[in-house]
Amino acid sequence: PNQPLNDHPPSEEPNPITTTTATTSANITPFPPTDPKLIESLLSQYTVSTLTSPSWPPNYSLLDIRNTAEQFCSDRDWHQYHTPRNLLLALIGEAGELSEIFQWKPDSACEPGLSGFSEHDKVHLSEELADVLIYLVRLASVCGINL
């Protein structure tokens, strides 16, 4: 009754995210959770301070960002995938995610200071802005452009 449902080839290790169990035991919480009280409890654990994105020190330069991204790519052997074309397409995708934050908000919510944004929206905005910046700096670096 508690056997995993195999959704992967036998030669691979099971993925804990996609492997489900064929039981409805009270000990197993479905993912994503569906119980409104559980969802509220989980969300209450997060305040704006716990949702804030990691940030760079105030004196962190574009050169620091470029070097950090370079090391990150080297550590994962991603240089083979970071062609100017691929980086540009990734940048455009991130710019699309950034624009979704503003989509359908009234103009009054999008005035300087973003008074119409929730703290959660502002955290999300900072994450997407960082993604765009990192891809832009990475693209410039791969193209040999010094910003």
N, C-alpha and C. Protein backbone atom coordinates (compact mmCIF):
# COMPACT_ATOMS: atom_id res chain seq x y z
N PRO A 1 0.80 -1.21 0.00
CA PRO A 1 0.00 0.00 0.00
C PRO A 1 0.84 1.27 0.00
N ASN A 2 2.03 1.25 0.57
CA ASN A 2 2.87 2.45 0.58
C ASN A 2 3.96 2.39 -0.47
N GLN A 3 3.76 1.65 -1.54
CA GLN A 3 4.76 1.54 -2.60
C GLN A 3 4.72 2.80 -3.47
N PRO A 4 5.91 3.35 -3.82
CA PRO A 4 5.91 4.51 -4.70
C PRO A 4 5.39 4.15 -6.08
N LEU A 5 4.72 5.09 -6.70
CA LEU A 5 4.32 4.93 -8.10
C LEU A 5 5.52 5.35 -8.93
N ASN A 6 6.06 4.45 -9.69
CA ASN A 6 7.27 4.75 -10.45
C ASN A 6 6.93 5.56 -11.68
N ASP A 7 7.48 6.74 -11.76
CA ASP A 7 7.31 7.59 -12.92
C ASP A 7 8.67 7.91 -13.53
N HIS A 8 9.62 7.01 -13.34
CA HIS A 8 10.97 7.19 -13.84
C HIS A 8 11.50 5.83 -14.29
N PRO A 9 12.46 5.83 -15.21
CA PRO A 9 13.06 4.56 -15.62
C PRO A 9 13.70 3.86 -14.43
N PRO A 10 13.71 2.54 -14.42
CA PRO A 10 14.26 1.80 -13.28
C PRO A 10 15.72 2.12 -13.00
N SER A 11 16.48 2.56 -14.01
CA SER A 11 17.90 2.82 -13.80
C SER A 11 18.15 4.14 -13.07
N GLU A 12 17.14 5.00 -12.96
CA GLU A 12 17.32 6.29 -12.31
C GLU A 12 16.83 6.26 -10.88
N GLU A 13 17.40 7.13 -10.08
CA GLU A 13 16.91 7.30 -8.72
C GLU A 13 15.57 8.02 -8.80
N PRO A 14 14.63 7.71 -7.93
CA PRO A 14 13.35 8.41 -7.96
C PRO A 14 13.51 9.88 -7.58
N ASN A 15 12.73 10.71 -8.21
CA ASN A 15 12.70 12.13 -7.92
C ASN A 15 11.68 12.35 -6.81
N PRO A 16 12.08 12.86 -5.65
CA PRO A 16 11.14 13.00 -4.54
C PRO A 16 10.01 13.97 -4.84
N ILE A 17 10.18 14.84 -5.81
CA ILE A 17 9.11 15.79 -6.13
C ILE A 17 8.05 15.14 -7.00
N THR A 18 8.46 14.27 -7.94
CA THR A 18 7.48 13.68 -8.84
C THR A 18 7.03 12.30 -8.42
N THR A 19 7.70 11.68 -7.47
CA THR A 19 7.29 10.37 -7.00
C THR A 19 6.17 10.55 -5.98
N THR A 20 5.07 9.89 -6.21
CA THR A 20 3.95 10.00 -5.30
C THR A 20 3.73 8.66 -4.64
N THR A 21 2.94 8.62 -3.62
CA THR A 21 2.64 7.37 -2.95
C THR A 21 1.19 7.00 -3.18
N ALA A 22 0.95 5.70 -3.20
CA ALA A 22 -0.38 5.19 -3.48
C ALA A 22 -1.14 4.93 -2.19
N THR A 23 -1.08 5.87 -1.29
CA THR A 23 -1.78 5.73 -0.02
C THR A 23 -2.35 7.07 0.38
N THR A 24 -3.33 7.03 1.22
CA THR A 24 -3.89 8.28 1.72
C THR A 24 -3.72 8.32 3.23
N SER A 25 -2.60 7.85 3.70
CA SER A 25 -2.30 7.83 5.12
C SER A 25 -2.37 9.24 5.69
N ALA A 26 -2.80 9.35 6.93
CA ALA A 26 -2.90 10.66 7.58
C ALA A 26 -1.53 11.30 7.76
N ASN A 27 -0.45 10.54 7.67
CA ASN A 27 0.89 11.08 7.86
C ASN A 27 1.42 11.80 6.62
N ILE A 28 0.77 11.64 5.50
CA ILE A 28 1.28 12.19 4.25
C ILE A 28 0.51 13.46 3.92
N THR A 29 1.25 14.57 3.76
CA THR A 29 0.66 15.83 3.38
C THR A 29 0.74 15.95 1.86
N PRO A 30 -0.38 16.17 1.19
CA PRO A 30 -0.31 16.31 -0.27
C PRO A 30 0.48 17.56 -0.65
N PHE A 31 1.14 17.49 -1.77
CA PHE A 31 1.85 18.65 -2.27
C PHE A 31 1.31 18.99 -3.64
N PRO A 32 0.91 20.19 -3.89
CA PRO A 32 0.86 21.29 -2.94
C PRO A 32 -0.27 21.07 -1.94
N PRO A 33 -0.16 21.67 -0.76
CA PRO A 33 -1.20 21.47 0.25
C PRO A 33 -2.53 22.03 -0.23
N THR A 34 -3.60 21.37 0.16
CA THR A 34 -4.94 21.81 -0.26
C THR A 34 -5.78 22.28 0.92
N ASP A 35 -5.38 21.95 2.12
CA ASP A 35 -6.14 22.35 3.30
C ASP A 35 -5.92 23.83 3.57
N PRO A 36 -7.00 24.64 3.55
CA PRO A 36 -6.84 26.09 3.74
C PRO A 36 -6.15 26.45 5.06
N LYS A 37 -6.43 25.71 6.13
CA LYS A 37 -5.78 26.02 7.42
C LYS A 37 -4.28 25.74 7.35
N LEU A 38 -3.90 24.67 6.68
CA LEU A 38 -2.48 24.36 6.52
C LEU A 38 -1.79 25.43 5.68
N ILE A 39 -2.44 25.84 4.60
CA ILE A 39 -1.87 26.88 3.74
C ILE A 39 -1.69 28.16 4.54
N GLU A 40 -2.70 28.56 5.29
CA GLU A 40 -2.60 29.77 6.11
C GLU A 40 -1.48 29.66 7.13
N SER A 41 -1.36 28.49 7.74
CA SER A 41 -0.30 28.26 8.72
C SER A 41 1.07 28.38 8.07
N LEU A 42 1.23 27.79 6.90
CA LEU A 42 2.51 27.86 6.20
C LEU A 42 2.85 29.29 5.80
N LEU A 43 1.85 30.01 5.28
CA LEU A 43 2.09 31.38 4.85
C LEU A 43 2.38 32.31 6.03
N SER A 44 1.78 32.02 7.18
CA SER A 44 2.00 32.89 8.34
C SER A 44 3.44 32.82 8.84
N GLN A 45 4.17 31.79 8.43
CA GLN A 45 5.57 31.66 8.84
C GLN A 45 6.47 32.64 8.11
N TYR A 46 5.94 33.22 7.04
CA TYR A 46 6.76 34.09 6.20
C TYR A 46 6.28 35.52 6.32
N THR A 47 7.16 36.38 6.74
CA THR A 47 6.89 37.80 6.79
C THR A 47 7.72 38.44 5.69
N VAL A 48 7.55 39.72 5.53
CA VAL A 48 8.34 40.41 4.51
C VAL A 48 9.83 40.20 4.75
N SER A 49 10.24 40.18 6.01
CA SER A 49 11.67 40.03 6.28
C SER A 49 12.18 38.65 5.87
N THR A 50 11.32 37.61 5.93
CA THR A 50 11.78 36.28 5.52
C THR A 50 11.63 36.09 4.03
N LEU A 51 10.87 36.96 3.37
CA LEU A 51 10.69 36.84 1.93
C LEU A 51 11.67 37.69 1.14
N THR A 52 12.44 38.50 1.81
CA THR A 52 13.34 39.38 1.08
C THR A 52 14.38 38.57 0.32
N SER A 53 14.69 39.05 -0.84
CA SER A 53 15.67 38.39 -1.69
C SER A 53 17.06 38.63 -1.15
N PRO A 54 17.95 37.68 -1.43
CA PRO A 54 19.35 37.97 -1.09
C PRO A 54 19.77 39.23 -1.84
N SER A 55 20.55 40.04 -1.22
CA SER A 55 20.98 41.26 -1.90
C SER A 55 22.49 41.38 -1.83
N TRP A 56 23.01 42.17 -2.75
CA TRP A 56 24.44 42.40 -2.79
C TRP A 56 24.79 43.53 -1.85
N PRO A 57 26.03 43.55 -1.40
CA PRO A 57 26.45 44.68 -0.58
C PRO A 57 26.31 45.98 -1.37
N PRO A 58 26.15 47.11 -0.71
CA PRO A 58 25.94 48.38 -1.41
C PRO A 58 27.06 48.73 -2.39
N ASN A 59 28.27 48.32 -2.12
CA ASN A 59 29.39 48.67 -3.00
C ASN A 59 29.70 47.58 -4.04
N TYR A 60 28.80 46.64 -4.23
CA TYR A 60 29.00 45.56 -5.20
C TYR A 60 28.88 46.15 -6.59
N SER A 61 29.88 45.93 -7.42
CA SER A 61 29.92 46.56 -8.75
C SER A 61 29.44 45.59 -9.83
N LEU A 62 29.27 46.14 -11.02
CA LEU A 62 28.96 45.28 -12.17
C LEU A 62 30.07 44.27 -12.40
N LEU A 63 31.31 44.67 -12.15
CA LEU A 63 32.43 43.74 -12.27
C LEU A 63 32.29 42.60 -11.27
N ASP A 64 31.87 42.90 -10.05
CA ASP A 64 31.64 41.86 -9.05
C ASP A 64 30.52 40.91 -9.51
N ILE A 65 29.45 41.48 -10.04
CA ILE A 65 28.34 40.66 -10.54
C ILE A 65 28.82 39.78 -11.69
N ARG A 66 29.59 40.38 -12.60
CA ARG A 66 30.12 39.61 -13.74
C ARG A 66 31.00 38.47 -13.25
N ASN A 67 31.89 38.74 -12.32
CA ASN A 67 32.80 37.71 -11.82
C ASN A 67 32.05 36.62 -11.07
N THR A 68 31.05 37.00 -10.29
CA THR A 68 30.25 36.02 -9.55
C THR A 68 29.49 35.12 -10.52
N ALA A 69 28.88 35.73 -11.55
CA ALA A 69 28.14 34.94 -12.54
C ALA A 69 29.09 34.04 -13.32
N GLU A 70 30.27 34.53 -13.63
CA GLU A 70 31.27 33.73 -14.34
C GLU A 70 31.66 32.51 -13.52
N GLN A 71 31.92 32.72 -12.24
CA GLN A 71 32.30 31.60 -11.37
C GLN A 71 31.15 30.62 -11.24
N PHE A 72 29.93 31.13 -11.10
CA PHE A 72 28.74 30.29 -10.99
C PHE A 72 28.61 29.40 -12.23
N CYS A 73 28.82 29.97 -13.41
CA CYS A 73 28.74 29.21 -14.66
C CYS A 73 29.88 28.20 -14.78
N SER A 74 31.06 28.61 -14.38
CA SER A 74 32.21 27.70 -14.44
C SER A 74 32.01 26.50 -13.53
N ASP A 75 31.50 26.77 -12.33
CA ASP A 75 31.28 25.68 -11.38
C ASP A 75 30.31 24.63 -11.91
N ARG A 76 29.43 25.03 -12.82
CA ARG A 76 28.41 24.12 -13.35
C ARG A 76 28.67 23.71 -14.80
N ASP A 77 29.79 24.16 -15.37
CA ASP A 77 30.14 23.87 -16.76
C ASP A 77 29.04 24.32 -17.71
N TRP A 78 28.54 25.53 -17.51
CA TRP A 78 27.46 26.07 -18.33
C TRP A 78 27.96 26.92 -19.50
N HIS A 79 29.25 27.13 -19.61
CA HIS A 79 29.75 28.00 -20.68
C HIS A 79 29.32 27.51 -22.06
N GLN A 80 29.23 26.22 -22.21
CA GLN A 80 28.83 25.66 -23.50
C GLN A 80 27.43 26.11 -23.91
N TYR A 81 26.60 26.46 -22.95
CA TYR A 81 25.22 26.87 -23.24
C TYR A 81 25.06 28.39 -23.29
N HIS A 82 26.05 29.11 -22.78
CA HIS A 82 25.93 30.56 -22.68
C HIS A 82 26.46 31.26 -23.92
N THR A 83 25.79 31.01 -25.02
CA THR A 83 26.09 31.73 -26.25
C THR A 83 25.34 33.06 -26.18
N PRO A 84 25.77 34.05 -26.95
CA PRO A 84 25.03 35.31 -26.94
C PRO A 84 23.54 35.12 -27.24
N ARG A 85 23.23 34.28 -28.20
CA ARG A 85 21.83 34.03 -28.56
C ARG A 85 21.06 33.46 -27.38
N ASN A 86 21.59 32.43 -26.74
CA ASN A 86 20.89 31.80 -25.62
C ASN A 86 20.73 32.76 -24.45
N LEU A 87 21.75 33.54 -24.18
CA LEU A 87 21.66 34.50 -23.08
C LEU A 87 20.64 35.59 -23.39
N LEU A 88 20.59 36.04 -24.64
CA LEU A 88 19.60 37.04 -25.03
C LEU A 88 18.19 36.49 -24.88
N LEU A 89 17.97 35.26 -25.31
CA LEU A 89 16.64 34.66 -25.17
C LEU A 89 16.27 34.50 -23.70
N ALA A 90 17.22 34.12 -22.87
CA ALA A 90 16.96 34.01 -21.43
C ALA A 90 16.65 35.39 -20.84
N LEU A 91 17.37 36.39 -21.28
CA LEU A 91 17.14 37.76 -20.82
C LEU A 91 15.73 38.22 -21.19
N ILE A 92 15.31 37.93 -22.40
CA ILE A 92 13.97 38.30 -22.85
C ILE A 92 12.92 37.57 -22.02
N GLY A 93 13.17 36.30 -21.72
CA GLY A 93 12.24 35.56 -20.87
C GLY A 93 12.12 36.18 -19.50
N GLU A 94 13.24 36.58 -18.92
CA GLU A 94 13.21 37.22 -17.61
C GLU A 94 12.54 38.58 -17.67
N ALA A 95 12.76 39.32 -18.77
CA ALA A 95 12.08 40.61 -18.92
C ALA A 95 10.56 40.39 -19.02
N GLY A 96 10.16 39.28 -19.64
CA GLY A 96 8.73 38.94 -19.68
C GLY A 96 8.19 38.67 -18.29
N GLU A 97 8.96 37.94 -17.49
CA GLU A 97 8.52 37.68 -16.11
C GLU A 97 8.44 38.98 -15.32
N LEU A 98 9.36 39.89 -15.58
CA LEU A 98 9.34 41.19 -14.93
C LEU A 98 8.08 41.97 -15.35
N SER A 99 7.75 41.94 -16.62
CA SER A 99 6.58 42.69 -17.09
C SER A 99 5.27 42.11 -16.55
N GLU A 100 5.24 40.81 -16.27
CA GLU A 100 4.03 40.20 -15.72
C GLU A 100 3.66 40.79 -14.36
N ILE A 101 4.65 41.25 -13.62
CA ILE A 101 4.38 41.85 -12.30
C ILE A 101 3.55 43.12 -12.46
N PHE A 102 3.79 43.86 -13.53
CA PHE A 102 3.10 45.12 -13.78
C PHE A 102 1.81 44.93 -14.57
N GLN A 103 1.69 43.83 -15.25
CA GLN A 103 0.54 43.60 -16.12
C GLN A 103 -0.74 43.66 -15.31
N TRP A 104 -1.69 44.39 -15.82
CA TRP A 104 -3.05 44.52 -15.26
C TRP A 104 -3.11 45.35 -13.99
N LYS A 105 -2.01 45.91 -13.56
CA LYS A 105 -2.08 46.83 -12.42
C LYS A 105 -2.47 48.20 -12.96
N PRO A 106 -3.25 48.94 -12.20
CA PRO A 106 -3.62 50.28 -12.66
C PRO A 106 -2.40 51.20 -12.66
N ASP A 107 -2.46 52.22 -13.48
CA ASP A 107 -1.34 53.17 -13.55
C ASP A 107 -1.04 53.76 -12.18
N SER A 108 -2.07 53.99 -11.37
CA SER A 108 -1.85 54.59 -10.06
C SER A 108 -1.00 53.69 -9.15
N ALA A 109 -1.03 52.38 -9.37
CA ALA A 109 -0.22 51.46 -8.56
C ALA A 109 1.23 51.44 -9.01
N CYS A 110 1.48 51.95 -10.21
CA CYS A 110 2.82 51.85 -10.80
C CYS A 110 3.56 53.17 -10.81
N GLU A 111 3.13 54.09 -9.99
CA GLU A 111 3.83 55.37 -9.89
C GLU A 111 5.13 55.18 -9.11
N PRO A 112 6.06 56.12 -9.23
CA PRO A 112 7.33 55.99 -8.49
C PRO A 112 7.08 55.68 -7.01
N GLY A 113 7.84 54.73 -6.51
CA GLY A 113 7.67 54.26 -5.15
C GLY A 113 6.77 53.04 -5.05
N LEU A 114 6.00 52.80 -6.10
CA LEU A 114 5.12 51.62 -6.19
C LEU A 114 4.23 51.47 -4.95
N SER A 115 3.56 52.54 -4.58
CA SER A 115 2.71 52.51 -3.39
C SER A 115 1.57 51.51 -3.53
N GLY A 116 1.21 51.16 -4.74
CA GLY A 116 0.13 50.19 -4.96
C GLY A 116 0.60 48.75 -4.94
N PHE A 117 1.88 48.52 -4.67
CA PHE A 117 2.42 47.17 -4.63
C PHE A 117 2.46 46.67 -3.20
N SER A 118 2.15 45.41 -3.02
CA SER A 118 2.33 44.79 -1.71
C SER A 118 3.82 44.55 -1.49
N GLU A 119 4.18 44.28 -0.25
CA GLU A 119 5.58 43.95 0.04
C GLU A 119 5.99 42.69 -0.71
N HIS A 120 5.09 41.74 -0.82
CA HIS A 120 5.38 40.51 -1.58
C HIS A 120 5.66 40.85 -3.04
N ASP A 121 4.85 41.75 -3.63
CA ASP A 121 5.07 42.18 -5.02
C ASP A 121 6.45 42.82 -5.17
N LYS A 122 6.84 43.63 -4.18
CA LYS A 122 8.13 44.31 -4.27
C LYS A 122 9.29 43.32 -4.16
N VAL A 123 9.14 42.30 -3.33
CA VAL A 123 10.17 41.26 -3.23
C VAL A 123 10.28 40.53 -4.56
N HIS A 124 9.13 40.17 -5.12
CA HIS A 124 9.10 39.48 -6.42
C HIS A 124 9.75 40.36 -7.48
N LEU A 125 9.42 41.64 -7.47
CA LEU A 125 10.01 42.59 -8.42
C LEU A 125 11.53 42.62 -8.28
N SER A 126 12.02 42.66 -7.05
CA SER A 126 13.48 42.71 -6.85
C SER A 126 14.15 41.44 -7.39
N GLU A 127 13.49 40.30 -7.23
CA GLU A 127 14.05 39.05 -7.74
C GLU A 127 14.13 39.07 -9.27
N GLU A 128 13.06 39.53 -9.91
CA GLU A 128 13.06 39.55 -11.38
C GLU A 128 14.02 40.60 -11.92
N LEU A 129 14.12 41.74 -11.25
CA LEU A 129 15.10 42.75 -11.67
C LEU A 129 16.52 42.20 -11.57
N ALA A 130 16.80 41.46 -10.51
CA ALA A 130 18.12 40.86 -10.35
C ALA A 130 18.39 39.85 -11.46
N ASP A 131 17.38 39.04 -11.81
CA ASP A 131 17.55 38.07 -12.89
C ASP A 131 17.89 38.79 -14.20
N VAL A 132 17.15 39.86 -14.50
CA VAL A 132 17.40 40.62 -15.73
C VAL A 132 18.81 41.20 -15.70
N LEU A 133 19.20 41.78 -14.58
CA LEU A 133 20.53 42.37 -14.46
C LEU A 133 21.62 41.33 -14.67
N ILE A 134 21.48 40.18 -14.04
CA ILE A 134 22.51 39.14 -14.15
C ILE A 134 22.63 38.66 -15.60
N TYR A 135 21.49 38.42 -16.26
CA TYR A 135 21.57 38.00 -17.66
C TYR A 135 22.15 39.09 -18.55
N LEU A 136 21.81 40.35 -18.28
CA LEU A 136 22.35 41.45 -19.07
C LEU A 136 23.87 41.55 -18.90
N VAL A 137 24.33 41.46 -17.67
CA VAL A 137 25.78 41.52 -17.41
C VAL A 137 26.47 40.30 -18.02
N ARG A 138 25.86 39.15 -17.91
CA ARG A 138 26.45 37.93 -18.48
C ARG A 138 26.52 38.03 -20.00
N LEU A 139 25.45 38.53 -20.63
CA LEU A 139 25.43 38.69 -22.08
C LEU A 139 26.53 39.66 -22.52
N ALA A 140 26.65 40.78 -21.83
CA ALA A 140 27.70 41.74 -22.17
C ALA A 140 29.08 41.10 -22.05
N SER A 141 29.28 40.34 -21.00
CA SER A 141 30.57 39.68 -20.78
C SER A 141 30.90 38.72 -21.91
N VAL A 142 29.94 37.88 -22.27
CA VAL A 142 30.17 36.88 -23.32
C VAL A 142 30.41 37.56 -24.68
N CYS A 143 29.80 38.73 -24.87
CA CYS A 143 29.98 39.48 -26.12
C CYS A 143 31.24 40.34 -26.10
N GLY A 144 31.94 40.37 -24.97
CA GLY A 144 33.15 41.18 -24.88
C GLY A 144 32.87 42.66 -24.71
N ILE A 145 31.70 43.00 -24.18
CA ILE A 145 31.31 44.39 -23.96
C ILE A 145 31.53 44.73 -22.50
N ASN A 146 32.24 45.82 -22.24
CA ASN A 146 32.48 46.25 -20.87
C ASN A 146 31.45 47.30 -20.52
N LEU A 147 30.51 46.92 -19.65
CA LEU A 147 29.49 47.88 -19.23
C LEU A 147 30.08 48.85 -18.22
